[in-house]
Amino acid sequence: MKYLFILNDGPYGSERSYNALRLAGSVAKRDGVEVKVFLIGDAVTCGQTGQATPNGYYNIEQMIKVVLARGARVGLCGSCSDARGIKENLITQGAHRSSMEELTDWTIEADKVLVF
């Protein structure tokens, strides 16, 4: 089964991206599933490296790394990244700069699309 998670919110304004990544990480642990995460709009900042959060506070960058370690693919919208000054060297290792074309492919291929 193929799952696509589309995140729209920034990492720390609400808990939507936090909850989406919690679910994506949990789904990615299951056998026989493929997980892809697409960060669009303000959510591209979730894929930015070097996030520093206070002790005891969740860190979205670390959550992205967990999802990646479980075999998921993570793409950041290229035009959204450009609009926010996120260059390739600022993207969390393992995630990649993506495009609307790749999102289109991922959407068509997915069995389930979850939008947060």
Protein backbone atom coordinates (compact mmCIF):
# COMPACT_ATOMS: atom_id res chain seq x y z
CA MET A 1 0.00 0.00 0.00
CA LYS A 2 1.33 3.44 -0.91
CA TYR A 3 0.68 6.45 1.33
CA LEU A 4 1.31 10.09 0.49
CA PHE A 5 1.30 12.70 3.23
CA ILE A 6 1.03 16.32 2.09
CA LEU A 7 1.96 18.88 4.76
CA ASN A 8 1.06 22.56 4.44
CA ASP A 9 1.84 24.08 7.85
CA GLY A 10 5.12 25.30 9.26
CA PRO A 11 6.85 23.22 11.92
CA TYR A 12 5.93 25.10 15.08
CA GLY A 13 2.87 27.33 14.55
CA SER A 14 0.36 24.54 14.98
CA GLU A 15 0.69 20.83 15.63
CA ARG A 16 -0.59 19.75 12.20
CA SER A 17 2.85 18.96 10.78
CA TYR A 18 3.87 17.36 14.07
CA ASN A 19 0.85 15.06 14.00
CA ALA A 20 1.29 14.29 10.30
CA LEU A 21 4.89 13.22 10.89
CA ARG A 22 3.87 11.15 13.91
CA LEU A 23 1.39 9.28 11.75
CA ALA A 24 3.78 9.01 8.77
CA GLY A 25 6.45 7.54 11.06
CA SER A 26 4.00 5.05 12.51
CA VAL A 27 2.73 3.98 9.08
CA ALA A 28 6.31 3.67 7.77
CA LYS A 29 7.05 1.06 10.48
CA ARG A 30 4.50 -1.32 8.98
CA ASP A 31 5.48 -4.07 6.57
CA GLY A 32 4.41 -3.76 2.95
CA VAL A 33 3.86 -0.01 2.92
CA GLU A 34 5.56 2.80 1.06
CA VAL A 35 5.44 6.29 2.57
CA LYS A 36 6.13 9.58 0.83
CA VAL A 37 5.92 13.00 2.46
CA PHE A 38 5.60 16.19 0.42
CA LEU A 39 6.22 19.53 2.14
CA ILE A 40 4.50 22.46 0.44
CA GLY A 41 3.87 26.09 1.40
CA ASP A 42 5.14 26.95 4.87
CA ALA A 43 5.72 23.23 5.53
CA VAL A 44 8.97 23.40 3.52
CA THR A 45 10.50 24.90 6.66
CA CYS A 46 9.88 21.52 8.34
CA GLY A 47 12.60 20.12 6.08
CA GLN A 48 15.14 22.77 6.96
CA THR A 49 18.29 21.61 8.71
CA GLY A 50 19.68 23.10 11.91
CA GLN A 51 16.44 23.42 13.87
CA ALA A 52 17.10 24.14 17.54
CA THR A 53 14.28 23.69 20.02
CA PRO A 54 14.16 23.99 23.81
CA ASN A 55 14.71 20.86 25.89
CA GLY A 56 11.53 18.85 26.17
CA TYR A 57 10.03 20.34 23.00
CA TYR A 58 9.56 18.24 19.87
CA ASN A 59 11.96 18.85 16.99
CA ILE A 60 10.42 18.53 13.53
CA GLU A 61 13.81 18.05 11.86
CA GLN A 62 14.43 15.01 14.06
CA MET A 63 10.98 13.69 13.20
CA ILE A 64 11.75 14.05 9.48
CA LYS A 65 14.96 12.08 10.05
CA VAL A 66 13.01 9.29 11.78
CA VAL A 67 10.56 9.07 8.88
CA LEU A 68 13.49 8.96 6.43
CA ALA A 69 15.24 6.27 8.48
CA ARG A 70 12.11 4.14 8.18
CA GLY A 71 12.42 4.22 4.39
CA ALA A 72 10.10 7.08 3.52
CA ARG A 73 10.89 9.66 0.87
CA VAL A 74 10.55 13.36 1.71
CA GLY A 75 10.29 16.06 -0.93
CA LEU A 76 10.19 19.83 -0.52
CA CYS A 77 8.35 21.97 -3.07
CA GLY A 78 11.06 23.79 -5.00
CA SER A 79 9.18 27.03 -5.68
CA CYS A 80 7.97 27.18 -2.07
CA SER A 81 11.56 26.63 -0.89
CA ASP A 82 12.80 29.41 -3.18
CA ALA A 83 10.15 31.80 -1.84
CA ARG A 84 11.42 31.13 1.68
CA GLY A 85 15.14 31.24 0.91
CA ILE A 86 15.73 27.54 1.54
CA LYS A 87 18.64 26.49 -0.64
CA GLU A 88 19.61 22.84 -1.19
CA ASN A 89 22.38 23.04 1.42
CA LEU A 90 19.73 23.93 4.03
CA ILE A 91 17.59 20.83 3.42
CA THR A 92 17.72 18.02 5.98
CA GLN A 93 19.97 15.23 4.75
CA GLY A 94 17.96 12.54 2.99
CA ALA A 95 15.12 14.86 1.99
CA HIS A 96 15.24 16.44 -1.46
CA ARG A 97 14.15 19.45 -3.44
CA SER A 98 11.10 18.41 -5.40
CA SER A 99 8.53 19.82 -7.80
CA MET A 100 4.84 19.95 -8.64
CA GLU A 101 5.54 17.32 -11.30
CA GLU A 102 6.87 14.90 -8.67
CA LEU A 103 3.92 15.65 -6.39
CA THR A 104 1.62 14.89 -9.32
CA ASP A 105 3.36 11.54 -9.90
CA TRP A 106 3.28 10.68 -6.19
CA THR A 107 -0.43 11.56 -6.00
CA ILE A 108 -1.35 9.41 -9.01
CA GLU A 109 0.71 6.47 -7.66
CA ALA A 110 -0.64 6.68 -4.08
CA ASP A 111 -3.37 4.43 -2.76
CA LYS A 112 -4.11 6.93 0.00
CA VAL A 113 -3.38 10.66 0.17
CA LEU A 114 -3.53 12.39 3.55
CA VAL A 115 -3.44 16.18 3.63
CA PHE A 116 -2.48 18.10 6.76
